[in-house]
């Protein structure tokens, strides 16, 4: 019984420690009034595209001409 409690407490402490290591999310506002939330900072490529990782972990790209503003979201 004590072993189960110790393992549960260790798992809880590990989860709490990992939540402090989150990355900053960014909001990408487009000219057609959409808002895209990226996981991590979007990266501008020399091809005129902005690359970002969406909420599901998929890498996406959007044309820079379609982007109105990129802003960091508060944690």
Protein backbone atom coordinates (compact mmCIF):
# COMPACT_ATOMS: atom_id res chain seq x y z
CA UNK A 1 0.00 0.00 0.00
CA UNK A 2 2.82 2.39 0.91
CA UNK A 3 4.54 1.64 -2.40
CA UNK A 4 1.42 2.72 -4.35
CA UNK A 5 1.22 6.00 -2.42
CA UNK A 6 4.92 6.75 -2.95
CA UNK A 7 4.64 6.04 -6.70
CA UNK A 8 1.51 8.21 -6.94
CA UNK A 9 3.21 11.13 -5.19
CA UNK A 10 6.31 10.76 -7.40
CA UNK A 11 4.14 10.80 -10.53
CA UNK A 12 2.27 13.88 -9.31
CA UNK A 13 5.50 15.75 -8.55
CA UNK A 14 6.90 14.83 -11.97
CA UNK A 15 3.78 16.17 -13.70
CA UNK A 16 3.94 19.42 -11.74
CA UNK A 17 7.63 19.86 -12.60
CA UNK A 18 7.01 19.30 -16.32
CA UNK A 19 4.16 21.82 -16.54
CA UNK A 20 6.60 24.59 -15.68
CA UNK A 21 8.60 23.81 -18.84
CA UNK A 22 5.97 24.84 -21.34
CA UNK A 23 6.76 26.71 -24.52
CA UNK A 24 5.22 30.02 -25.49
CA UNK A 25 2.29 29.90 -27.89
CA UNK A 26 1.74 32.53 -30.56
CA UNK A 27 -1.41 33.86 -32.21
CA UNK A 28 -1.19 34.35 -35.96
CA UNK A 29 -3.87 36.80 -37.10
CA UNK A 30 -4.67 36.62 -40.81
CA UNK A 31 -6.07 39.23 -43.18
CA UNK A 32 -9.33 37.25 -43.48
CA UNK A 33 -9.94 37.49 -39.66
CA UNK A 34 -8.79 33.97 -38.76
CA UNK A 35 -6.63 33.36 -35.71
CA UNK A 36 -4.21 30.44 -35.75
CA UNK A 37 -2.54 29.32 -32.52
CA UNK A 38 0.98 27.97 -32.95
CA UNK A 39 2.99 25.89 -30.52
CA UNK A 40 6.29 27.76 -30.34
CA UNK A 41 7.49 30.74 -32.34
CA UNK A 42 6.63 30.79 -36.07
CA UNK A 43 9.63 30.86 -38.41
CA UNK A 44 9.79 32.97 -41.57
CA UNK A 45 11.39 31.24 -44.56
CA UNK A 46 13.13 32.90 -47.49
CA UNK A 47 10.35 31.57 -49.74
CA UNK A 48 7.81 34.05 -48.32
CA UNK A 49 6.11 31.46 -46.12
CA UNK A 50 5.76 31.37 -42.35
CA UNK A 51 6.16 27.92 -40.82
CA UNK A 52 4.57 26.95 -37.51
CA UNK A 53 3.50 23.91 -35.54
CA UNK A 54 -0.24 23.72 -34.86
CA UNK A 55 -1.96 22.52 -31.68
CA UNK A 56 -1.89 18.88 -32.89
CA UNK A 57 1.87 18.93 -33.53
CA UNK A 58 1.57 19.13 -37.31
CA UNK A 59 3.95 21.43 -39.15
CA UNK A 60 2.06 23.95 -41.28
CA UNK A 61 2.91 26.91 -43.51
CA UNK A 62 1.05 30.07 -44.42
CA UNK A 63 1.84 32.73 -46.98
CA UNK A 64 3.41 35.80 -45.34
CA UNK A 65 1.15 38.08 -47.41
CA UNK A 66 -1.90 36.50 -45.70
CA UNK A 67 -0.61 37.29 -42.18
CA UNK A 68 -1.69 40.55 -40.53
CA UNK A 69 0.05 40.14 -37.16
CA UNK A 70 1.86 37.60 -34.97
CA UNK A 71 1.72 38.04 -31.20
CA UNK A 72 2.85 36.01 -28.19
CA UNK A 73 0.14 34.68 -25.91
CA UNK A 74 0.53 35.09 -22.15
CA UNK A 75 1.20 31.87 -20.24
